[in-house]
Amino acid sequence: MRRSGDDRRIVMQSLAMVMQFGLNMIVPICMMTALGIWLDRKLGTSWITIVLFAVGAIAGAQNIYRMAKGLYGGEERDKEQGISGENDKKDHTGVKKKE
């Protein structure tokens, strides 16, 4: 019986992750497209929607890339290489320093 509960939890976590991937892609596209439509109507143009749709698609792809990198070990590799850590601080030039 316990295995069935664990399986359900894994399935629900997987569904949540798939939904999060979808939302990370759809939300920027919809927002930028809506802004483009509004601007096109306001300014009397017909090309702004296309440009902002592309910007939204790029932003969504970037969101998915960051999420996937975090899920599949990108953060662990960075920590092993000393790129990121809890005790890291940036100085005025933006370079991280270990304390």
N, C-alpha and C. Protein backbone atom coordinates (compact mmCIF):
# COMPACT_ATOMS: atom_id res chain seq x y z
N MET A 1 0.80 -1.21 0.00
CA MET A 1 0.00 0.00 0.00
C MET A 1 0.84 1.27 0.00
N ARG A 2 1.94 1.25 0.71
CA ARG A 2 2.76 2.44 0.82
C ARG A 2 3.32 2.85 -0.53
N ARG A 3 3.69 1.88 -1.32
CA ARG A 3 4.26 2.18 -2.63
C ARG A 3 3.26 2.93 -3.50
N SER A 4 2.01 2.62 -3.38
CA SER A 4 0.97 3.30 -4.16
C SER A 4 0.90 4.78 -3.78
N GLY A 5 1.04 5.08 -2.50
CA GLY A 5 1.04 6.47 -2.06
C GLY A 5 2.25 7.23 -2.57
N ASP A 6 3.41 6.57 -2.57
CA ASP A 6 4.63 7.19 -3.09
C ASP A 6 4.51 7.44 -4.59
N ASP A 7 3.91 6.47 -5.29
CA ASP A 7 3.72 6.63 -6.74
C ASP A 7 2.81 7.81 -7.04
N ARG A 8 1.76 7.95 -6.27
CA ARG A 8 0.83 9.08 -6.47
C ARG A 8 1.53 10.41 -6.24
N ARG A 9 2.36 10.45 -5.20
CA ARG A 9 3.08 11.69 -4.90
C ARG A 9 4.02 12.05 -6.05
N ILE A 10 4.71 11.05 -6.59
CA ILE A 10 5.63 11.29 -7.71
C ILE A 10 4.87 11.77 -8.94
N VAL A 11 3.71 11.15 -9.19
CA VAL A 11 2.90 11.56 -10.35
C VAL A 11 2.42 13.00 -10.17
N MET A 12 1.98 13.35 -8.98
CA MET A 12 1.50 14.72 -8.73
C MET A 12 2.64 15.73 -8.85
N GLN A 13 3.81 15.38 -8.37
CA GLN A 13 4.96 16.28 -8.51
C GLN A 13 5.33 16.46 -9.98
N SER A 14 5.25 15.39 -10.74
CA SER A 14 5.55 15.47 -12.18
C SER A 14 4.54 16.34 -12.90
N LEU A 15 3.26 16.17 -12.58
CA LEU A 15 2.22 17.01 -13.18
C LEU A 15 2.42 18.49 -12.83
N ALA A 16 2.78 18.74 -11.58
CA ALA A 16 3.02 20.13 -11.17
C ALA A 16 4.20 20.72 -11.94
N MET A 17 5.24 19.92 -12.15
CA MET A 17 6.40 20.41 -12.88
C MET A 17 6.05 20.69 -14.34
N VAL A 18 5.26 19.81 -14.96
CA VAL A 18 4.84 20.03 -16.35
C VAL A 18 4.00 21.29 -16.45
N MET A 19 3.08 21.49 -15.50
CA MET A 19 2.26 22.70 -15.51
C MET A 19 3.12 23.95 -15.32
N GLN A 20 4.13 23.86 -14.48
CA GLN A 20 5.01 25.00 -14.25
C GLN A 20 5.80 25.33 -15.51
N PHE A 21 6.26 24.31 -16.23
CA PHE A 21 6.94 24.55 -17.50
C PHE A 21 6.01 25.27 -18.47
N GLY A 22 4.77 24.80 -18.56
CA GLY A 22 3.79 25.42 -19.47
C GLY A 22 3.50 26.86 -19.10
N LEU A 23 3.29 27.11 -17.83
CA LEU A 23 3.00 28.48 -17.39
C LEU A 23 4.19 29.40 -17.61
N ASN A 24 5.39 28.88 -17.39
CA ASN A 24 6.59 29.69 -17.62
C ASN A 24 6.74 30.10 -19.08
N MET A 25 6.14 29.35 -19.98
CA MET A 25 6.21 29.68 -21.40
C MET A 25 5.01 30.54 -21.82
N ILE A 26 3.81 30.19 -21.37
CA ILE A 26 2.59 30.85 -21.83
C ILE A 26 2.43 32.26 -21.28
N VAL A 27 2.72 32.47 -20.02
CA VAL A 27 2.46 33.77 -19.39
C VAL A 27 3.23 34.91 -20.08
N PRO A 28 4.54 34.82 -20.30
CA PRO A 28 5.23 35.92 -20.98
C PRO A 28 4.72 36.15 -22.41
N ILE A 29 4.39 35.06 -23.12
CA ILE A 29 3.90 35.22 -24.48
C ILE A 29 2.56 35.94 -24.48
N CYS A 30 1.65 35.52 -23.61
CA CYS A 30 0.32 36.17 -23.56
C CYS A 30 0.42 37.62 -23.13
N MET A 31 1.24 37.90 -22.14
CA MET A 31 1.37 39.28 -21.66
C MET A 31 1.95 40.19 -22.74
N MET A 32 3.00 39.73 -23.39
CA MET A 32 3.63 40.57 -24.42
C MET A 32 2.73 40.71 -25.65
N THR A 33 2.00 39.66 -26.00
CA THR A 33 1.08 39.75 -27.13
C THR A 33 -0.05 40.72 -26.83
N ALA A 34 -0.61 40.64 -25.61
CA ALA A 34 -1.67 41.57 -25.22
C ALA A 34 -1.16 43.02 -25.25
N LEU A 35 0.05 43.24 -24.75
CA LEU A 35 0.63 44.58 -24.80
C LEU A 35 0.82 45.03 -26.24
N GLY A 36 1.26 44.12 -27.11
CA GLY A 36 1.45 44.46 -28.52
C GLY A 36 0.14 44.82 -29.20
N ILE A 37 -0.91 44.06 -28.93
CA ILE A 37 -2.23 44.37 -29.51
C ILE A 37 -2.70 45.74 -29.04
N TRP A 38 -2.54 46.00 -27.74
CA TRP A 38 -2.98 47.29 -27.20
C TRP A 38 -2.19 48.44 -27.84
N LEU A 39 -0.88 48.28 -27.94
CA LEU A 39 -0.05 49.32 -28.55
C LEU A 39 -0.39 49.50 -30.03
N ASP A 40 -0.62 48.41 -30.76
CA ASP A 40 -0.98 48.52 -32.18
C ASP A 40 -2.28 49.29 -32.36
N ARG A 41 -3.25 49.03 -31.51
CA ARG A 41 -4.52 49.76 -31.60
C ARG A 41 -4.34 51.23 -31.23
N LYS A 42 -3.53 51.48 -30.23
CA LYS A 42 -3.31 52.85 -29.75
C LYS A 42 -2.53 53.67 -30.79
N LEU A 43 -1.53 53.04 -31.42
CA LEU A 43 -0.65 53.77 -32.33
C LEU A 43 -1.04 53.62 -33.80
N GLY A 44 -1.99 52.74 -34.09
CA GLY A 44 -2.41 52.53 -35.48
C GLY A 44 -1.40 51.77 -36.32
N THR A 45 -0.62 50.93 -35.68
CA THR A 45 0.38 50.14 -36.41
C THR A 45 -0.09 48.69 -36.48
N SER A 46 0.70 47.85 -37.15
CA SER A 46 0.32 46.44 -37.23
C SER A 46 1.51 45.50 -37.03
N TRP A 47 2.64 45.99 -36.61
CA TRP A 47 3.83 45.16 -36.49
C TRP A 47 4.33 44.98 -35.05
N ILE A 48 3.88 45.79 -34.14
CA ILE A 48 4.38 45.74 -32.76
C ILE A 48 4.00 44.42 -32.09
N THR A 49 2.80 43.90 -32.40
CA THR A 49 2.36 42.64 -31.81
C THR A 49 3.32 41.51 -32.16
N ILE A 50 3.76 41.47 -33.39
CA ILE A 50 4.67 40.40 -33.83
C ILE A 50 5.99 40.49 -33.09
N VAL A 51 6.52 41.69 -32.96
CA VAL A 51 7.79 41.87 -32.27
C VAL A 51 7.67 41.49 -30.80
N LEU A 52 6.61 41.95 -30.15
CA LEU A 52 6.45 41.64 -28.73
C LEU A 52 6.12 40.17 -28.49
N PHE A 53 5.44 39.52 -29.43
CA PHE A 53 5.22 38.08 -29.34
C PHE A 53 6.57 37.35 -29.32
N ALA A 54 7.47 37.75 -30.21
CA ALA A 54 8.80 37.13 -30.26
C ALA A 54 9.56 37.38 -28.97
N VAL A 55 9.47 38.59 -28.42
CA VAL A 55 10.13 38.90 -27.16
C VAL A 55 9.57 38.02 -26.04
N GLY A 56 8.24 37.85 -26.01
CA GLY A 56 7.62 36.98 -25.01
C GLY A 56 8.06 35.53 -25.15
N ALA A 57 8.19 35.05 -26.38
CA ALA A 57 8.63 33.68 -26.62
C ALA A 57 10.07 33.49 -26.15
N ILE A 58 10.91 34.47 -26.40
CA ILE A 58 12.31 34.39 -25.95
C ILE A 58 12.37 34.41 -24.42
N ALA A 59 11.57 35.28 -23.80
CA ALA A 59 11.55 35.34 -22.33
C ALA A 59 11.04 34.02 -21.74
N GLY A 60 10.02 33.43 -22.35
CA GLY A 60 9.51 32.15 -21.88
C GLY A 60 10.53 31.04 -22.01
N ALA A 61 11.23 31.02 -23.13
CA ALA A 61 12.27 30.01 -23.33
C ALA A 61 13.39 30.18 -22.31
N GLN A 62 13.72 31.42 -22.01
CA GLN A 62 14.76 31.68 -21.01
C GLN A 62 14.31 31.20 -19.63
N ASN A 63 13.03 31.43 -19.30
CA ASN A 63 12.49 30.94 -18.02
C ASN A 63 12.58 29.42 -17.93
N ILE A 64 12.21 28.74 -19.00
CA ILE A 64 12.25 27.29 -19.00
C ILE A 64 13.69 26.79 -18.91
N TYR A 65 14.60 27.44 -19.59
CA TYR A 65 16.01 27.05 -19.53
C TYR A 65 16.54 27.16 -18.09
N ARG A 66 16.23 28.26 -17.44
CA ARG A 66 16.69 28.44 -16.06
C ARG A 66 16.09 27.40 -15.13
N MET A 67 14.81 27.11 -15.30
CA MET A 67 14.14 26.13 -14.46
C MET A 67 14.73 24.73 -14.70
N ALA A 68 14.91 24.37 -15.95
CA ALA A 68 15.46 23.05 -16.27
C ALA A 68 16.90 22.92 -15.76
N LYS A 69 17.66 23.98 -15.89
CA LYS A 69 19.04 23.95 -15.40
C LYS A 69 19.06 23.73 -13.89
N GLY A 70 18.17 24.38 -13.18
CA GLY A 70 18.09 24.18 -11.74
C GLY A 70 17.63 22.79 -11.36
N LEU A 71 16.71 22.23 -12.14
CA LEU A 71 16.19 20.90 -11.83
C LEU A 71 17.19 19.80 -12.12
N TYR A 72 17.97 19.96 -13.16
CA TYR A 72 18.85 18.89 -13.61
C TYR A 72 20.29 19.09 -13.24
N GLY A 73 20.55 19.75 -12.12
CA GLY A 73 21.89 19.76 -11.57
C GLY A 73 22.77 20.93 -11.96
N GLY A 74 22.25 21.94 -12.61
CA GLY A 74 23.08 23.08 -12.96
C GLY A 74 23.62 23.78 -11.73
N GLU A 75 22.81 23.83 -10.68
CA GLU A 75 23.24 24.49 -9.45
C GLU A 75 24.32 23.69 -8.74
N GLU A 76 24.21 22.37 -8.76
CA GLU A 76 25.21 21.54 -8.09
C GLU A 76 26.58 21.67 -8.76
N ARG A 77 26.58 21.69 -10.10
CA ARG A 77 27.86 21.83 -10.81
C ARG A 77 28.48 23.19 -10.53
N ASP A 78 27.65 24.23 -10.44
CA ASP A 78 28.18 25.55 -10.13
C ASP A 78 28.80 25.57 -8.74
N LYS A 79 28.17 24.93 -7.78
CA LYS A 79 28.72 24.90 -6.43
C LYS A 79 30.04 24.14 -6.38
N GLU A 80 30.12 23.05 -7.15
CA GLU A 80 31.37 22.28 -7.18
C GLU A 80 32.51 23.10 -7.76
N GLN A 81 32.19 23.98 -8.70
CA GLN A 81 33.22 24.79 -9.33
C GLN A 81 33.51 26.08 -8.55
N GLY A 82 32.77 26.29 -7.46
CA GLY A 82 32.99 27.47 -6.64
C GLY A 82 32.36 28.72 -7.20
N ILE A 83 31.40 28.57 -8.10
CA ILE A 83 30.75 29.73 -8.69
C ILE A 83 29.74 30.34 -7.75
N SER A 84 29.07 29.51 -6.98
CA SER A 84 27.99 30.00 -6.13
C SER A 84 28.11 29.34 -4.78
N GLY A 85 27.67 30.03 -3.75
CA GLY A 85 27.70 29.45 -2.42
C GLY A 85 27.02 30.36 -1.43
N GLU A 86 26.71 29.81 -0.25
CA GLU A 86 26.01 30.60 0.76
C GLU A 86 26.88 31.73 1.31
N ASN A 87 28.17 31.52 1.39
CA ASN A 87 29.06 32.50 1.98
C ASN A 87 29.67 33.44 0.95
N ASP A 88 29.21 33.36 -0.29
CA ASP A 88 29.76 34.22 -1.32
C ASP A 88 29.13 35.61 -1.24
N LYS A 89 29.94 36.62 -1.42
CA LYS A 89 29.46 38.00 -1.49
C LYS A 89 30.14 38.68 -2.65
N LYS A 90 29.43 39.65 -3.24
CA LYS A 90 30.01 40.38 -4.35
C LYS A 90 30.61 41.69 -3.86
N ASP A 91 31.76 42.04 -4.42
CA ASP A 91 32.33 43.34 -4.10
C ASP A 91 31.76 44.38 -5.06
N HIS A 92 32.29 45.58 -5.05
CA HIS A 92 31.76 46.67 -5.86
C HIS A 92 31.89 46.41 -7.36
N THR A 93 32.75 45.48 -7.77
CA THR A 93 32.90 45.20 -9.21
C THR A 93 31.98 44.08 -9.67
N GLY A 94 31.26 43.44 -8.71
CA GLY A 94 30.37 42.34 -9.07
C GLY A 94 31.02 40.99 -9.01
N VAL A 95 32.30 40.95 -8.57
CA VAL A 95 33.02 39.68 -8.47
C VAL A 95 32.73 39.07 -7.11
N LYS A 96 32.41 37.77 -7.09
CA LYS A 96 32.10 37.11 -5.84
C LYS A 96 33.37 36.85 -5.05
N LYS A 97 33.26 37.04 -3.75
CA LYS A 97 34.38 36.79 -2.85
C LYS A 97 33.93 35.79 -1.79
N LYS A 98 34.80 34.89 -1.41
CA LYS A 98 34.53 33.95 -0.31
C LYS A 98 34.88 34.63 1.00
N GLU A 99 34.07 34.35 1.99
CA GLU A 99 34.36 34.90 3.33
C GLU A 99 34.96 33.85 4.21
